[in-house]
Amino acid sequence: QVQLVESGGGLVQAGGSLRLSCEAASGRTFSSYVMAWIRQAPGKEREFVAAITRSGGSTYYAASVKGRCTISRDNAKNVVYLHLNSLKPEDTAVYYCAARISYSASESHRDYDYWGQGTQVIVSS
């Protein structure tokens, strides 16, 4: 099992940037987990944002954020990051960090077993 704690959310103007962080605490090596960011806007279902493989060698992005978003991880620090640029009001959501024990990433939020509490991002127009 892994405990995930997100930080870095807040209120930002459209066009601005944010860096979200997720710290993991687990009895297993952090590099055992594929990591992802999932978001949920008010009144909407959870939506995959980005994922990164265990080594960090491969990344995956939703079409809605591709080119504006970078996921990265530091396995020595047990942290995964999400850099969001050129933010839009439609990026407003609670952003969750999620993990799965697997050799492959998934672009379905349903495939992730462990979740943090989320961090709120609000983008004002």
C-alpha atoms as a PDB file:
ATOM      1  CA  GLN A   1       0.000   0.000   0.000  1.00  0.00           C
ATOM      2  CA  VAL A   2       1.122   3.563  -0.646  1.00  0.00           C
ATOM      3  CA  GLN A   3       0.030   6.861   0.868  1.00  0.00           C
ATOM      4  CA  LEU A   4      -0.065   9.787  -1.528  1.00  0.00           C
ATOM      5  CA  VAL A   5      -0.141  13.445  -0.570  1.00  0.00           C
ATOM      6  CA  GLU A   6      -0.627  16.158  -3.179  1.00  0.00           C
ATOM      7  CA  SER A   7       0.328  19.800  -2.906  1.00  0.00           C
ATOM      8  CA  GLY A   8       0.762  22.849  -5.090  1.00  0.00           C
ATOM      9  CA  GLY A   9      -2.787  23.619  -6.109  1.00  0.00           C
ATOM     10  CA  GLY A  10      -4.289  27.063  -5.880  1.00  0.00           C
ATOM     11  CA  LEU A  11      -5.875  29.939  -7.710  1.00  0.00           C
ATOM     12  CA  VAL A  12      -4.170  31.058 -10.906  1.00  0.00           C
ATOM     13  CA  GLN A  13      -5.117  33.318 -13.791  1.00  0.00           C
ATOM     14  CA  ALA A  14      -5.696  31.938 -17.232  1.00  0.00           C
ATOM     15  CA  GLY A  15      -2.409  31.636 -19.068  1.00  0.00           C
ATOM     16  CA  GLY A  16      -0.503  31.013 -15.872  1.00  0.00           C
ATOM     17  CA  SER A  17       1.384  27.973 -14.627  1.00  0.00           C
ATOM     18  CA  LEU A  18       1.397  25.646 -11.651  1.00  0.00           C
ATOM     19  CA  ARG A  19       3.514  22.791 -10.433  1.00  0.00           C
ATOM     20  CA  LEU A  20       1.730  20.074  -8.526  1.00  0.00           C
ATOM     21  CA  SER A  21       3.672  17.656  -6.349  1.00  0.00           C
ATOM     22  CA  CYS A  22       2.763  14.266  -4.949  1.00  0.00           C
ATOM     23  CA  GLU A  23       4.813  12.676  -2.223  1.00  0.00           C
ATOM     24  CA  ALA A  24       4.532   8.958  -1.691  1.00  0.00           C
ATOM     25  CA  ALA A  25       5.077   6.907   1.438  1.00  0.00           C
ATOM     26  CA  SER A  26       5.145   3.150   1.042  1.00  0.00           C
ATOM     27  CA  GLY A  27       6.718  -0.010   2.235  1.00  0.00           C
ATOM     28  CA  ARG A  28       7.460  -0.785  -1.403  1.00  0.00           C
ATOM     29  CA  THR A  29      10.053   0.957  -3.505  1.00  0.00           C
ATOM     30  CA  PHE A  30       8.515   4.010  -5.174  1.00  0.00           C
ATOM     31  CA  SER A  31       9.784   2.839  -8.541  1.00  0.00           C
ATOM     32  CA  SER A  32       7.431  -0.144  -8.218  1.00  0.00           C
ATOM     33  CA  TYR A  33       4.533   2.143  -9.063  1.00  0.00           C
ATOM     34  CA  VAL A  34       3.268   3.599 -12.275  1.00  0.00           C
ATOM     35  CA  MET A  35       2.103   7.089 -11.347  1.00  0.00           C
ATOM     36  CA  ALA A  36      -0.618   9.261 -12.801  1.00  0.00           C
ATOM     37  CA  TRP A  37      -2.512  12.477 -12.361  1.00  0.00           C
ATOM     38  CA  ILE A  38      -6.256  12.354 -12.632  1.00  0.00           C
ATOM     39  CA  ARG A  39      -8.602  15.315 -12.306  1.00  0.00           C
ATOM     40  CA  GLN A  40     -12.252  15.851 -11.539  1.00  0.00           C
ATOM     41  CA  ALA A  41     -14.069  19.020 -12.427  1.00  0.00           C
ATOM     42  CA  PRO A  42     -17.278  20.018 -10.640  1.00  0.00           C
ATOM     43  CA  GLY A  43     -20.171  17.909 -11.847  1.00  0.00           C
ATOM     44  CA  LYS A  44     -17.986  15.792 -14.112  1.00  0.00           C
ATOM     45  CA  GLU A  45     -16.435  12.351 -13.994  1.00  0.00           C
ATOM     46  CA  ARG A  46     -12.808  11.796 -13.183  1.00  0.00           C
ATOM     47  CA  GLU A  47     -10.548  12.360 -16.180  1.00  0.00           C
ATOM     48  CA  PHE A  48      -7.084  11.006 -16.913  1.00  0.00           C
ATOM     49  CA  VAL A  49      -4.497  13.781 -17.265  1.00  0.00           C
ATOM     50  CA  ALA A  50      -1.062  12.182 -17.439  1.00  0.00           C
ATOM     51  CA  ALA A  51       0.884   9.072 -16.494  1.00  0.00           C
ATOM     52  CA  ILE A  52       4.519   8.117 -16.169  1.00  0.00           C
ATOM     53  CA  THR A  53       6.113   4.704 -16.143  1.00  0.00           C
ATOM     54  CA  ARG A  54       8.089   3.339 -13.258  1.00  0.00           C
ATOM     55  CA  SER A  55      11.475   4.485 -14.493  1.00  0.00           C
ATOM     56  CA  GLY A  56      10.117   7.724 -15.907  1.00  0.00           C
ATOM     57  CA  GLY A  57      11.130   6.648 -19.367  1.00  0.00           C
ATOM     58  CA  SER A  58       7.685   6.998 -20.896  1.00  0.00           C
ATOM     59  CA  THR A  59       4.923   9.516 -20.385  1.00  0.00           C
ATOM     60  CA  TYR A  60       1.333   9.719 -21.553  1.00  0.00           C
ATOM     61  CA  TYR A  61      -0.999  12.693 -21.779  1.00  0.00           C
ATOM     62  CA  ALA A  62      -4.648  13.366 -22.378  1.00  0.00           C
ATOM     63  CA  ALA A  63      -5.332  15.231 -25.594  1.00  0.00           C
ATOM     64  CA  SER A  64      -6.823  18.097 -23.583  1.00  0.00           C
ATOM     65  CA  VAL A  65      -3.492  18.880 -21.895  1.00  0.00           C
ATOM     66  CA  LYS A  66      -0.916  17.643 -24.384  1.00  0.00           C
ATOM     67  CA  GLY A  67       1.644  20.345 -25.107  1.00  0.00           C
ATOM     68  CA  ARG A  68       0.712  22.249 -21.953  1.00  0.00           C
ATOM     69  CA  CYS A  69       1.577  19.667 -19.364  1.00  0.00           C
ATOM     70  CA  THR A  70       4.636  17.713 -18.214  1.00  0.00           C
ATOM     71  CA  ILE A  71       4.669  14.813 -15.794  1.00  0.00           C
ATOM     72  CA  SER A  72       7.944  13.821 -14.168  1.00  0.00           C
ATOM     73  CA  ARG A  73       9.146  11.835 -11.193  1.00  0.00           C
ATOM     74  CA  ASP A  74      12.094  11.667  -8.848  1.00  0.00           C
ATOM     75  CA  ASN A  75      12.384   8.116  -7.585  1.00  0.00           C
ATOM     76  CA  ALA A  76      15.106   9.069  -5.124  1.00  0.00           C
ATOM     77  CA  LYS A  77      12.720  11.513  -3.454  1.00  0.00           C
ATOM     78  CA  ASN A  78       9.516   9.489  -3.894  1.00  0.00           C
ATOM     79  CA  VAL A  79       7.843  12.394  -5.671  1.00  0.00           C
ATOM     80  CA  VAL A  80       5.904  12.822  -8.876  1.00  0.00           C
ATOM     81  CA  TYR A  81       5.251  16.238 -10.400  1.00  0.00           C
ATOM     82  CA  LEU A  82       2.801  17.748 -12.814  1.00  0.00           C
ATOM     83  CA  HIS A  83       3.731  21.013 -14.507  1.00  0.00           C
ATOM     84  CA  LEU A  84       0.744  22.767 -16.001  1.00  0.00           C
ATOM     85  CA  ASN A  85       1.278  25.678 -18.388  1.00  0.00           C
ATOM     86  CA  SER A  86      -1.006  27.978 -20.353  1.00  0.00           C
ATOM     87  CA  LEU A  87      -3.786  27.163 -17.945  1.00  0.00           C
ATOM     88  CA  LYS A  88      -7.389  27.557 -19.047  1.00  0.00           C
ATOM     89  CA  PRO A  89     -10.551  27.938 -16.985  1.00  0.00           C
ATOM     90  CA  GLU A  90     -11.541  24.438 -18.119  1.00  0.00           C
ATOM     91  CA  ASP A  91      -8.510  23.092 -16.268  1.00  0.00           C
ATOM     92  CA  THR A  92     -10.281  23.953 -13.018  1.00  0.00           C
ATOM     93  CA  ALA A  93     -10.618  20.708 -11.074  1.00  0.00           C
ATOM     94  CA  VAL A  94      -9.422  18.716  -8.127  1.00  0.00           C
ATOM     95  CA  TYR A  95      -6.205  17.028  -9.205  1.00  0.00           C
ATOM     96  CA  TYR A  96      -5.487  13.604  -7.768  1.00  0.00           C
ATOM     97  CA  CYS A  97      -2.257  11.690  -7.711  1.00  0.00           C
ATOM     98  CA  ALA A  98      -2.759   7.974  -8.310  1.00  0.00           C
ATOM     99  CA  ALA A  99      -0.616   4.857  -8.380  1.00  0.00           C
ATOM    100  CA  ARG A 100      -0.749   1.334  -9.666  1.00  0.00           C
ATOM    101  CA  ILE A 101       1.624  -1.608  -9.327  1.00  0.00           C
ATOM    102  CA  SER A 102       2.203  -2.587 -12.914  1.00  0.00           C
ATOM    103  CA  TYR A 103       4.768  -2.747 -15.667  1.00  0.00           C
ATOM    104  CA  SER A 104       2.650  -0.525 -17.865  1.00  0.00           C
ATOM    105  CA  ALA A 105       0.849   2.769 -17.596  1.00  0.00           C
ATOM    106  CA  SER A 106      -2.852   3.157 -18.182  1.00  0.00           C
ATOM    107  CA  GLU A 107      -4.857   6.077 -19.511  1.00  0.00           C
ATOM    108  CA  SER A 108      -7.930   4.937 -17.613  1.00  0.00           C
ATOM    109  CA  HIS A 109      -8.400   6.342 -14.146  1.00  0.00           C
ATOM    110  CA  ARG A 110     -10.180   3.094 -13.237  1.00  0.00           C
ATOM    111  CA  ASP A 111      -6.908   1.167 -13.443  1.00  0.00           C
ATOM    112  CA  TYR A 112      -5.287   2.997 -10.545  1.00  0.00           C
ATOM    113  CA  ASP A 113      -5.492   1.444  -7.115  1.00  0.00           C
ATOM    114  CA  TYR A 114      -4.145   4.095  -4.788  1.00  0.00           C
ATOM    115  CA  TRP A 115      -5.229   7.704  -4.593  1.00  0.00           C
ATOM    116  CA  GLY A 116      -4.337  10.839  -2.734  1.00  0.00           C
ATOM    117  CA  GLN A 117      -6.844  13.290  -1.288  1.00  0.00           C
ATOM    118  CA  GLY A 118      -6.464  15.720  -4.153  1.00  0.00           C
ATOM    119  CA  THR A 119      -5.423  19.328  -4.533  1.00  0.00           C
ATOM    120  CA  GLN A 120      -7.715  22.019  -5.896  1.00  0.00           C
ATOM    121  CA  VAL A 121      -6.741  24.015  -8.964  1.00  0.00           C
ATOM    122  CA  ILE A 122      -8.871  27.014  -9.902  1.00  0.00           C
ATOM    123  CA  VAL A 123      -8.141  28.924 -13.074  1.00  0.00           C
ATOM    124  CA  SER A 124      -9.797  32.313 -13.346  1.00  0.00           C
ATOM    125  CA  SER A 125     -10.552  33.926 -16.678  1.00  0.00           C
END
